[in-house]
Amino acid sequence: MIPINYHHLYYFWTVARSGSIAAATRRLYLSQPALSGQLKALERACRARLLERGRQLLRRHARQLWKLTQKAHLRDLCRG
C-alpha cells in the first residue's frame, strides 16, 4: 500500500475546494502533471476513485471521500 502523507490530503482538499485541478494548481504553485500524479497516488492508496475528471468542475462526493482519506491516513499513522 502506498503511504498517504499530509501533502496528498492537502492537495485533495485544495482540488475539492477549488472545484478544478487547474484552479488548484494556481493556488498550490504546482504543475498540472505533478498535481495529477499526487491525486492518482492518493486514489491508489485509498483504492477508490476520488475525483471524476471532466470538462466541467470536478464532481465529487467530498464529505464521503474526505472521511475515507482521513481513515486511511489515520490508519497509516497508527502503523508508524
Protein backbone atom coordinates (compact mmCIF):
# COMPACT_ATOMS: atom_id res chain seq x y z
CA MET A 1 0.00 0.00 0.00
CA ILE A 2 1.24 3.46 -0.86
CA PRO A 3 1.62 5.59 2.28
CA ILE A 4 -0.58 8.67 2.45
CA ASN A 5 1.01 11.83 3.73
CA TYR A 6 -0.15 15.33 4.58
CA HIS A 7 0.54 16.60 1.07
CA HIS A 8 -1.79 14.05 -0.54
CA LEU A 9 -4.63 15.13 1.75
CA TYR A 10 -3.88 18.83 1.36
CA TYR A 11 -3.78 18.56 -2.42
CA PHE A 12 -7.06 16.64 -2.47
CA TRP A 13 -8.66 19.20 -0.16
CA THR A 14 -7.44 22.08 -2.33
CA VAL A 15 -8.79 20.48 -5.52
CA ALA A 16 -12.15 19.79 -3.86
CA ARG A 17 -12.27 23.33 -2.52
CA SER A 18 -11.16 24.92 -5.80
CA GLY A 19 -13.52 22.89 -7.96
CA SER A 20 -10.93 22.06 -10.61
CA ILE A 21 -7.40 20.81 -10.95
CA ALA A 22 -6.45 23.90 -12.96
CA ALA A 23 -7.61 26.25 -10.19
CA ALA A 24 -5.86 24.13 -7.57
CA THR A 25 -2.55 24.21 -9.47
CA ARG A 26 -2.62 28.01 -9.35
CA ARG A 27 -3.26 28.00 -5.60
CA LEU A 28 -0.61 25.37 -4.92
CA TYR A 29 2.00 26.68 -7.39
CA LEU A 30 2.31 23.19 -8.89
CA SER A 31 2.22 21.98 -12.46
CA GLN A 32 -0.85 20.07 -13.61
CA PRO A 33 1.07 16.81 -14.17
CA ALA A 34 2.60 17.00 -10.68
CA LEU A 35 -0.77 17.54 -9.01
CA SER A 36 -2.49 14.86 -11.11
CA GLY A 37 0.23 12.39 -10.14
CA GLN A 38 -0.26 13.12 -6.45
CA LEU A 39 -4.03 12.71 -6.77
CA LYS A 40 -3.64 9.42 -8.62
CA ALA A 41 -1.28 8.18 -5.89
CA LEU A 42 -3.90 9.07 -3.27
CA GLU A 43 -6.58 7.25 -5.27
CA ARG A 44 -4.37 4.15 -5.50
CA ALA A 45 -3.71 4.27 -1.76
CA CYS A 46 -7.42 4.59 -0.99
CA ARG A 47 -8.31 2.02 -3.64
CA ALA A 48 -11.07 4.32 -4.81
CA ARG A 49 -11.68 6.90 -7.47
CA LEU A 50 -11.87 10.14 -5.53
CA LEU A 51 -12.45 12.63 -8.32
CA GLU A 52 -14.31 12.50 -11.61
CA ARG A 53 -12.26 14.35 -14.16
CA GLY A 54 -14.14 16.12 -16.93
CA ARG A 55 -14.71 19.36 -18.78
CA GLN A 56 -16.94 20.75 -16.05
CA LEU A 57 -15.98 21.36 -12.46
CA LEU A 58 -14.86 18.24 -10.70
CA ARG A 59 -17.82 16.34 -9.39
CA ARG A 60 -17.07 14.92 -6.02
CA HIS A 61 -18.71 13.38 -3.02
CA ALA A 62 -16.48 15.47 -0.81
CA ARG A 63 -17.86 14.56 2.60
CA GLN A 64 -17.74 10.80 1.98
CA LEU A 65 -14.38 10.93 0.22
CA TRP A 66 -12.81 13.12 2.86
CA LYS A 67 -13.82 10.63 5.55
CA LEU A 68 -12.27 7.82 3.50
CA THR A 69 -8.96 9.65 3.13
CA GLN A 70 -8.91 10.60 6.81
CA LYS A 71 -9.45 6.99 7.86
CA ALA A 72 -6.69 5.78 5.54
CA HIS A 73 -4.33 8.46 6.80
CA LEU A 74 -5.05 7.72 10.44
CA ARG A 75 -4.58 4.00 9.80
CA ASP A 76 -1.16 4.69 8.26
CA LEU A 77 -0.17 6.97 11.12
CA CYS A 78 -1.11 4.34 13.67
CA ARG A 79 1.03 1.76 11.88
CA GLY A 80 4.01 4.04 12.29
